[in-house]
Amino acid sequence: MEVEKSTSLPTSLIDKSVFPGDIILDLTSMPDQTIKLGAGLRQDCDVVSAVKYGILRFKKPNKYWVESSQKRYVPSAEDTVLGVVMDAKPDNFLVDIKGPMIAFLPVLAFEGGTRRNIPKFEIGTLLYVRVVKANNCMNPELSCTDASGKAAEFGPLRDGYMFETSTGLARMLLSSPTCPVLEALGKKLSFEIAVGLNGRVWVNASSPSTVILISNAIMRSEFLSAAQQKIMVEKLMQRFQV
């Protein structure tokens, strides 16, 4: 959703807990510009309010959303997610992204996509994709390219292991600077990881035991402090003798 108002005035609620009904922005006091509202926010006339409990986040230059830890995922434009191919149609792949509705991935939504080189995905293929369009009235639209039309890191994820977490843990894993549990694991192990904002995580490594260790560490980290996450990783390393 886009709102023709400014975000130039800071809000004291950023990075703090908000509750349903809390007023986030009073747009009447702001000069005209564009802001983007993500999950958990709603505009009523000139007021933006929260519709669920969570932490209010802001991403430059102009996006606000409410971050909460939950199993249910509500798609939002520009989210990066892990999707599972459910079916293939002449013009689209139908993809499960854990949202209220099945998403669709146009067969041409790939770098250099044409009718002559349509990709072939089997049912169950795991894809790393970007949400292009999302609202309450339509199935989300996906793409395997970035905003400039390049493949970047998007596409099928081969081998490895995928597991599900809360959306809050997924955002923590994607945070900057690097999440403590991933930093601790990265100092000891070599692995690949892809995290979707829909609460799905894919891990690939040279051995099954390493994949199991990493998956266990991530799933246990959600409610631990930075120090506790590092201690937990050390104990797992000793247990698995990696």
C-alpha atoms as a PDB file:
ATOM      1  CA  MET A   1       0.000   0.000   0.000  1.00  0.00           C
ATOM      2  CA  GLU A   2       1.274   3.455  -0.826  1.00  0.00           C
ATOM      3  CA  VAL A   3       0.238   6.649   0.927  1.00  0.00           C
ATOM      4  CA  GLU A   4       0.862  10.071  -0.544  1.00  0.00           C
ATOM      5  CA  LYS A   5       2.410  11.619   2.552  1.00  0.00           C
ATOM      6  CA  SER A   6       5.856  12.141   4.030  1.00  0.00           C
ATOM      7  CA  THR A   7       7.977  10.154   6.469  1.00  0.00           C
ATOM      8  CA  SER A   8      10.354  13.043   7.090  1.00  0.00           C
ATOM      9  CA  LEU A   9       9.099  13.539  10.634  1.00  0.00           C
ATOM     10  CA  PRO A  10      10.427  10.825  12.994  1.00  0.00           C
ATOM     11  CA  THR A  11       8.051   8.830  15.168  1.00  0.00           C
ATOM     12  CA  SER A  12       8.909   7.965  18.765  1.00  0.00           C
ATOM     13  CA  LEU A  13       7.297   4.536  18.340  1.00  0.00           C
ATOM     14  CA  ILE A  14       9.920   3.104  15.977  1.00  0.00           C
ATOM     15  CA  ASP A  15      11.490  -0.087  17.447  1.00  0.00           C
ATOM     16  CA  LYS A  16       8.929  -0.071  20.277  1.00  0.00           C
ATOM     17  CA  SER A  17       5.898  -2.235  21.012  1.00  0.00           C
ATOM     18  CA  VAL A  18       2.590  -1.142  19.501  1.00  0.00           C
ATOM     19  CA  PHE A  19      -0.924  -2.493  20.036  1.00  0.00           C
ATOM     20  CA  PRO A  20      -3.996  -2.685  17.776  1.00  0.00           C
ATOM     21  CA  GLY A  21      -5.534   0.782  17.570  1.00  0.00           C
ATOM     22  CA  ASP A  22      -2.344   2.697  18.401  1.00  0.00           C
ATOM     23  CA  ILE A  23      -1.897   5.789  16.215  1.00  0.00           C
ATOM     24  CA  ILE A  24       1.394   5.476  14.339  1.00  0.00           C
ATOM     25  CA  LEU A  25       1.325   8.525  12.062  1.00  0.00           C
ATOM     26  CA  ASP A  26      -0.858  11.628  11.832  1.00  0.00           C
ATOM     27  CA  LEU A  27      -0.602  12.434   8.120  1.00  0.00           C
ATOM     28  CA  THR A  28      -2.279  15.829   8.394  1.00  0.00           C
ATOM     29  CA  SER A  29       0.903  17.348   9.825  1.00  0.00           C
ATOM     30  CA  MET A  30       3.144  16.050   7.041  1.00  0.00           C
ATOM     31  CA  PRO A  31       3.971  17.533   3.628  1.00  0.00           C
ATOM     32  CA  ASP A  32       3.177  15.461   0.542  1.00  0.00           C
ATOM     33  CA  GLN A  33       5.496  12.535  -0.184  1.00  0.00           C
ATOM     34  CA  THR A  34       5.067   8.776  -0.537  1.00  0.00           C
ATOM     35  CA  ILE A  35       5.328   6.244   2.271  1.00  0.00           C
ATOM     36  CA  LYS A  36       4.778   2.506   2.134  1.00  0.00           C
ATOM     37  CA  LEU A  37       2.769   0.605   4.729  1.00  0.00           C
ATOM     38  CA  GLY A  38       3.674  -3.016   5.354  1.00  0.00           C
ATOM     39  CA  ALA A  39       2.116  -5.745   7.464  1.00  0.00           C
ATOM     40  CA  GLY A  40       0.224  -4.732  10.598  1.00  0.00           C
ATOM     41  CA  LEU A  41      -0.625  -1.149   9.582  1.00  0.00           C
ATOM     42  CA  ARG A  42      -3.757   0.423   8.130  1.00  0.00           C
ATOM     43  CA  GLN A  43      -4.630   3.893   6.874  1.00  0.00           C
ATOM     44  CA  ASP A  44      -7.970   5.477   7.811  1.00  0.00           C
ATOM     45  CA  CYS A  45      -8.251   8.906   6.156  1.00  0.00           C
ATOM     46  CA  ASP A  46      -5.248  10.862   7.487  1.00  0.00           C
ATOM     47  CA  VAL A  47      -4.318   8.456  10.267  1.00  0.00           C
ATOM     48  CA  VAL A  48      -2.120   5.359  10.129  1.00  0.00           C
ATOM     49  CA  SER A  49      -2.794   2.907  12.958  1.00  0.00           C
ATOM     50  CA  ALA A  50      -1.615  -0.532  14.057  1.00  0.00           C
ATOM     51  CA  VAL A  51      -3.922  -3.507  13.517  1.00  0.00           C
ATOM     52  CA  LYS A  52      -1.864  -6.077  15.432  1.00  0.00           C
ATOM     53  CA  TYR A  53       0.588  -6.290  18.334  1.00  0.00           C
ATOM     54  CA  GLY A  54       4.306  -6.190  17.577  1.00  0.00           C
ATOM     55  CA  ILE A  55       7.361  -3.985  17.150  1.00  0.00           C
ATOM     56  CA  LEU A  56       7.054  -0.985  14.833  1.00  0.00           C
ATOM     57  CA  ARG A  57       9.855  -1.058  12.256  1.00  0.00           C
ATOM     58  CA  PHE A  58      11.028   1.494   9.704  1.00  0.00           C
ATOM     59  CA  LYS A  59      13.225   0.896   6.670  1.00  0.00           C
ATOM     60  CA  LYS A  60      14.738   3.749   4.707  1.00  0.00           C
ATOM     61  CA  PRO A  61      13.648   5.508   2.685  1.00  0.00           C
ATOM     62  CA  ASN A  62       9.929   5.164   3.365  1.00  0.00           C
ATOM     63  CA  LYS A  63       8.544   1.837   4.645  1.00  0.00           C
ATOM     64  CA  TYR A  64       6.791   1.173   7.968  1.00  0.00           C
ATOM     65  CA  TRP A  65       5.508  -2.179   9.246  1.00  0.00           C
ATOM     66  CA  VAL A  66       4.700  -4.038  12.460  1.00  0.00           C
ATOM     67  CA  GLU A  67       7.005  -6.972  13.154  1.00  0.00           C
ATOM     68  CA  SER A  68       5.538  -9.776  15.229  1.00  0.00           C
ATOM     69  CA  SER A  69       6.407 -13.361  16.008  1.00  0.00           C
ATOM     70  CA  GLN A  70       3.700 -15.581  14.576  1.00  0.00           C
ATOM     71  CA  LYS A  71       3.272 -18.695  12.472  1.00  0.00           C
ATOM     72  CA  ARG A  72       0.818 -17.082  10.052  1.00  0.00           C
ATOM     73  CA  TYR A  73       2.395 -15.027   7.297  1.00  0.00           C
ATOM     74  CA  VAL A  74       0.691 -12.034   5.686  1.00  0.00           C
ATOM     75  CA  PRO A  75       2.318 -11.265   2.304  1.00  0.00           C
ATOM     76  CA  SER A  76       3.632  -7.776   1.644  1.00  0.00           C
ATOM     77  CA  ALA A  77       5.153  -6.331  -1.541  1.00  0.00           C
ATOM     78  CA  GLU A  78       8.964  -6.648  -1.750  1.00  0.00           C
ATOM     79  CA  ASP A  79       9.114  -9.452   0.832  1.00  0.00           C
ATOM     80  CA  THR A  80      11.556 -12.231  -0.008  1.00  0.00           C
ATOM     81  CA  VAL A  81      10.077 -15.641   0.772  1.00  0.00           C
ATOM     82  CA  LEU A  82      10.566 -19.375   0.313  1.00  0.00           C
ATOM     83  CA  GLY A  83       7.775 -20.954  -1.709  1.00  0.00           C
ATOM     84  CA  VAL A  84       6.863 -24.524  -2.628  1.00  0.00           C
ATOM     85  CA  VAL A  85       5.555 -25.240  -6.132  1.00  0.00           C
ATOM     86  CA  MET A  86       2.060 -26.741  -5.886  1.00  0.00           C
ATOM     87  CA  ASP A  87       1.055 -26.880  -9.559  1.00  0.00           C
ATOM     88  CA  ALA A  88       2.089 -25.702 -13.032  1.00  0.00           C
ATOM     89  CA  LYS A  89      -0.297 -23.927 -15.411  1.00  0.00           C
ATOM     90  CA  PRO A  90       0.354 -22.668 -18.960  1.00  0.00           C
ATOM     91  CA  ASP A  91       1.012 -19.115 -17.744  1.00  0.00           C
ATOM     92  CA  ASN A  92       1.838 -19.491 -14.042  1.00  0.00           C
ATOM     93  CA  PHE A  93       3.269 -21.707 -11.354  1.00  0.00           C
ATOM     94  CA  LEU A  94       1.050 -21.956  -8.268  1.00  0.00           C
ATOM     95  CA  VAL A  95       3.216 -21.537  -5.172  1.00  0.00           C
ATOM     96  CA  ASP A  96       2.539 -22.006  -1.448  1.00  0.00           C
ATOM     97  CA  ILE A  97       4.174 -19.203   0.556  1.00  0.00           C
ATOM     98  CA  LYS A  98       2.297 -19.870   3.855  1.00  0.00           C
ATOM     99  CA  GLY A  99      -0.090 -16.984   3.169  1.00  0.00           C
ATOM    100  CA  PRO A 100      -3.903 -16.983   3.288  1.00  0.00           C
ATOM    101  CA  MET A 101      -4.000 -17.605  -0.474  1.00  0.00           C
ATOM    102  CA  ILE A 102      -1.878 -19.519  -2.962  1.00  0.00           C
ATOM    103  CA  ALA A 103       0.533 -17.223  -4.819  1.00  0.00           C
ATOM    104  CA  PHE A 104       1.245 -17.298  -8.539  1.00  0.00           C
ATOM    105  CA  LEU A 105       4.596 -17.016 -10.293  1.00  0.00           C
ATOM    106  CA  PRO A 106       4.297 -16.020 -13.981  1.00  0.00           C
ATOM    107  CA  VAL A 107       6.346 -18.259 -16.266  1.00  0.00           C
ATOM    108  CA  LEU A 108       7.985 -15.110 -17.690  1.00  0.00           C
ATOM    109  CA  ALA A 109       8.982 -13.691 -14.265  1.00  0.00           C
ATOM    110  CA  PHE A 110      12.593 -14.818 -14.679  1.00  0.00           C
ATOM    111  CA  GLU A 111      15.662 -13.013 -15.980  1.00  0.00           C
ATOM    112  CA  GLY A 112      15.448 -13.084 -19.783  1.00  0.00           C
ATOM    113  CA  GLY A 113      12.189 -15.037 -19.557  1.00  0.00           C
ATOM    114  CA  THR A 114      10.524 -15.806 -22.909  1.00  0.00           C
ATOM    115  CA  ARG A 115       8.032 -18.350 -24.182  1.00  0.00           C
ATOM    116  CA  ARG A 116      10.933 -20.337 -25.625  1.00  0.00           C
ATOM    117  CA  ASN A 117      12.765 -20.857 -22.347  1.00  0.00           C
ATOM    118  CA  ILE A 118      10.037 -21.384 -19.765  1.00  0.00           C
ATOM    119  CA  PRO A 119      11.532 -23.107 -16.691  1.00  0.00           C
ATOM    120  CA  LYS A 120      10.222 -26.514 -15.658  1.00  0.00           C
ATOM    121  CA  PHE A 121       9.654 -27.114 -11.956  1.00  0.00           C
ATOM    122  CA  GLU A 122       8.349 -30.315 -10.455  1.00  0.00           C
ATOM    123  CA  ILE A 123       5.653 -30.258  -7.767  1.00  0.00           C
ATOM    124  CA  GLY A 124       7.401 -29.686  -4.431  1.00  0.00           C
ATOM    125  CA  THR A 125      10.306 -27.641  -5.814  1.00  0.00           C
ATOM    126  CA  LEU A 126      11.519 -25.066  -3.276  1.00  0.00           C
ATOM    127  CA  LEU A 127      11.948 -21.544  -4.676  1.00  0.00           C
ATOM    128  CA  TYR A 128      13.456 -18.351  -3.283  1.00  0.00           C
ATOM    129  CA  VAL A 129      11.215 -15.597  -4.666  1.00  0.00           C
ATOM    130  CA  ARG A 130      10.200 -11.966  -4.274  1.00  0.00           C
ATOM    131  CA  VAL A 131       6.633 -10.812  -3.627  1.00  0.00           C
ATOM    132  CA  VAL A 132       5.710  -8.296  -6.340  1.00  0.00           C
ATOM    133  CA  LYS A 133       2.075  -7.581  -5.488  1.00  0.00           C
ATOM    134  CA  ALA A 134      -0.022  -8.418  -2.422  1.00  0.00           C
ATOM    135  CA  ASN A 135      -3.340  -7.299  -0.991  1.00  0.00           C
ATOM    136  CA  ASN A 136      -6.384  -8.812   0.709  1.00  0.00           C
ATOM    137  CA  CYS A 137      -8.385  -9.186  -2.499  1.00  0.00           C
ATOM    138  CA  MET A 138      -6.049 -11.120  -4.786  1.00  0.00           C
ATOM    139  CA  ASN A 139      -3.544 -13.934  -4.885  1.00  0.00           C
ATOM    140  CA  PRO A 140      -0.004 -12.644  -4.303  1.00  0.00           C
ATOM    141  CA  GLU A 141       2.180 -12.296  -7.401  1.00  0.00           C
ATOM    142  CA  LEU A 142       5.780 -13.504  -7.252  1.00  0.00           C
ATOM    143  CA  SER A 143       8.952 -13.027  -9.280  1.00  0.00           C
ATOM    144  CA  CYS A 144      12.339 -14.720  -9.566  1.00  0.00           C
ATOM    145  CA  THR A 145      14.063 -11.410 -10.305  1.00  0.00           C
ATOM    146  CA  ASP A 146      15.003  -8.341  -8.318  1.00  0.00           C
ATOM    147  CA  ALA A 147      13.504  -4.898  -9.001  1.00  0.00           C
ATOM    148  CA  SER A 148      15.949  -4.384 -11.886  1.00  0.00           C
ATOM    149  CA  GLY A 149      14.967  -7.625 -13.611  1.00  0.00           C
ATOM    150  CA  LYS A 150      18.108  -9.555 -12.645  1.00  0.00           C
ATOM    151  CA  ALA A 151      18.000 -13.087 -11.256  1.00  0.00           C
ATOM    152  CA  ALA A 152      20.259 -12.112  -8.326  1.00  0.00           C
ATOM    153  CA  GLU A 153      19.886 -14.836  -5.670  1.00  0.00           C
ATOM    154  CA  PHE A 154      16.350 -15.845  -6.674  1.00  0.00           C
ATOM    155  CA  GLY A 155      15.379 -19.223  -8.097  1.00  0.00           C
ATOM    156  CA  PRO A 156      15.213 -22.914  -7.097  1.00  0.00           C
ATOM    157  CA  LEU A 157      17.038 -24.146  -3.993  1.00  0.00           C
ATOM    158  CA  ARG A 158      18.588 -27.550  -4.630  1.00  0.00           C
ATOM    159  CA  ASP A 159      19.326 -30.209  -1.999  1.00  0.00           C
ATOM    160  CA  GLY A 160      19.602 -28.977   1.587  1.00  0.00           C
ATOM    161  CA  TYR A 161      16.863 -28.980   4.224  1.00  0.00           C
ATOM    162  CA  MET A 162      13.932 -26.604   4.713  1.00  0.00           C
ATOM    163  CA  PHE A 163      12.201 -26.047   8.061  1.00  0.00           C
ATOM    164  CA  GLU A 164       9.610 -23.602   9.361  1.00  0.00           C
ATOM    165  CA  THR A 165       9.948 -20.976  12.095  1.00  0.00           C
ATOM    166  CA  SER A 166       7.959 -17.983  13.278  1.00  0.00           C
ATOM    167  CA  THR A 167       8.010 -14.810  11.199  1.00  0.00           C
ATOM    168  CA  GLY A 168       9.699 -13.034  14.100  1.00  0.00           C
ATOM    169  CA  LEU A 169      12.636 -15.441  14.095  1.00  0.00           C
ATOM    170  CA  ALA A 170      12.924 -15.108  10.314  1.00  0.00           C
ATOM    171  CA  ARG A 171      13.257 -11.326  10.621  1.00  0.00           C
ATOM    172  CA  MET A 172      15.816 -11.739  13.389  1.00  0.00           C
ATOM    173  CA  LEU A 173      17.914 -13.994  11.139  1.00  0.00           C
ATOM    174  CA  LEU A 174      17.766 -11.370   8.388  1.00  0.00           C
ATOM    175  CA  SER A 175      18.650  -8.462  10.671  1.00  0.00           C
ATOM    176  CA  SER A 176      21.734  -6.301  10.354  1.00  0.00           C
ATOM    177  CA  PRO A 177      24.319  -6.571  11.867  1.00  0.00           C
ATOM    178  CA  THR A 178      24.457 -10.363  11.523  1.00  0.00           C
ATOM    179  CA  CYS A 179      22.264 -12.272  13.940  1.00  0.00           C
ATOM    180  CA  PRO A 180      24.414 -13.669  16.829  1.00  0.00           C
ATOM    181  CA  VAL A 181      23.467 -17.310  16.200  1.00  0.00           C
ATOM    182  CA  LEU A 182      24.461 -17.071  12.521  1.00  0.00           C
ATOM    183  CA  GLU A 183      27.631 -15.192  13.384  1.00  0.00           C
ATOM    184  CA  ALA A 184      28.644 -17.889  15.879  1.00  0.00           C
ATOM    185  CA  LEU A 185      27.849 -20.699  13.433  1.00  0.00           C
ATOM    186  CA  GLY A 186      29.679 -18.940  10.590  1.00  0.00           C
ATOM    187  CA  LYS A 187      32.917 -18.791  12.594  1.00  0.00           C
ATOM    188  CA  LYS A 188      32.956 -22.571  12.969  1.00  0.00           C
ATOM    189  CA  LEU A 189      31.118 -24.020   9.974  1.00  0.00           C
ATOM    190  CA  SER A 190      30.733 -23.612   6.219  1.00  0.00           C
ATOM    191  CA  PHE A 191      27.138 -23.631   5.015  1.00  0.00           C
ATOM    192  CA  GLU A 192      24.545 -21.998   2.769  1.00  0.00           C
ATOM    193  CA  ILE A 193      21.340 -20.476   4.105  1.00  0.00           C
ATOM    194  CA  ALA A 194      18.255 -18.793   2.663  1.00  0.00           C
ATOM    195  CA  VAL A 195      15.677 -17.177   4.949  1.00  0.00           C
ATOM    196  CA  GLY A 196      12.185 -16.175   3.892  1.00  0.00           C
ATOM    197  CA  LEU A 197      10.150 -13.536   5.680  1.00  0.00           C
ATOM    198  CA  ASN A 198       7.317 -16.077   5.640  1.00  0.00           C
ATOM    199  CA  GLY A 199       9.093 -18.118   8.328  1.00  0.00           C
ATOM    200  CA  ARG A 200      10.842 -20.694   6.172  1.00  0.00           C
ATOM    201  CA  VAL A 201      14.563 -21.399   6.383  1.00  0.00           C
ATOM    202  CA  TRP A 202      16.698 -23.481   4.004  1.00  0.00           C
ATOM    203  CA  VAL A 203      20.113 -24.785   5.033  1.00  0.00           C
ATOM    204  CA  ASN A 204      22.675 -26.694   2.983  1.00  0.00           C
ATOM    205  CA  ALA A 205      26.064 -28.004   4.095  1.00  0.00           C
ATOM    206  CA  SER A 206      28.606 -30.699   3.248  1.00  0.00           C
ATOM    207  CA  SER A 207      27.241 -33.241   5.741  1.00  0.00           C
ATOM    208  CA  PRO A 208      23.814 -34.112   7.226  1.00  0.00           C
ATOM    209  CA  SER A 209      25.177 -33.702  10.772  1.00  0.00           C
ATOM    210  CA  THR A 210      26.182 -30.099  10.031  1.00  0.00           C
ATOM    211  CA  VAL A 211      22.737 -29.347   8.599  1.00  0.00           C
ATOM    212  CA  ILE A 212      21.093 -30.836  11.715  1.00  0.00           C
ATOM    213  CA  LEU A 213      23.332 -28.796  14.043  1.00  0.00           C
ATOM    214  CA  ILE A 214      22.642 -25.533  12.229  1.00  0.00           C
ATOM    215  CA  SER A 215      18.891 -26.182  12.068  1.00  0.00           C
ATOM    216  CA  ASN A 216      18.750 -26.999  15.791  1.00  0.00           C
ATOM    217  CA  ALA A 217      20.758 -23.901  16.702  1.00  0.00           C
ATOM    218  CA  ILE A 218      18.485 -21.619  14.684  1.00  0.00           C
ATOM    219  CA  MET A 219      15.260 -23.092  16.069  1.00  0.00           C
ATOM    220  CA  ARG A 220      16.500 -22.747  19.664  1.00  0.00           C
ATOM    221  CA  SER A 221      17.726 -19.164  19.278  1.00  0.00           C
ATOM    222  CA  GLU A 222      14.477 -17.186  19.052  1.00  0.00           C
ATOM    223  CA  PHE A 223      14.065 -16.271  22.720  1.00  0.00           C
ATOM    224  CA  LEU A 224      17.748 -16.211  23.726  1.00  0.00           C
ATOM    225  CA  SER A 225      19.959 -13.180  24.252  1.00  0.00           C
ATOM    226  CA  ALA A 226      23.045 -12.671  22.058  1.00  0.00           C
ATOM    227  CA  ALA A 227      25.301 -14.166  24.747  1.00  0.00           C
ATOM    228  CA  GLN A 228      22.969 -17.121  25.283  1.00  0.00           C
ATOM    229  CA  GLN A 229      22.878 -17.821  21.550  1.00  0.00           C
ATOM    230  CA  LYS A 230      26.677 -18.049  21.387  1.00  0.00           C
ATOM    231  CA  ILE A 231      26.832 -20.343  24.434  1.00  0.00           C
ATOM    232  CA  MET A 232      24.128 -22.546  22.934  1.00  0.00           C
ATOM    233  CA  VAL A 233      26.088 -22.887  19.673  1.00  0.00           C
ATOM    234  CA  GLU A 234      29.241 -23.900  21.583  1.00  0.00           C
ATOM    235  CA  LYS A 235      27.325 -26.594  23.473  1.00  0.00           C
ATOM    236  CA  LEU A 236      25.798 -27.957  20.270  1.00  0.00           C
ATOM    237  CA  MET A 237      29.218 -28.032  18.627  1.00  0.00           C
ATOM    238  CA  GLN A 238      30.537 -30.126  21.525  1.00  0.00           C
ATOM    239  CA  ARG A 239      27.546 -32.453  21.445  1.00  0.00           C
ATOM    240  CA  PHE A 240      27.737 -33.074  17.707  1.00  0.00           C
ATOM    241  CA  GLN A 241      31.570 -33.045  17.818  1.00  0.00           C
ATOM    242  CA  VAL A 242      31.753 -30.946  14.647  1.00  0.00           C
END
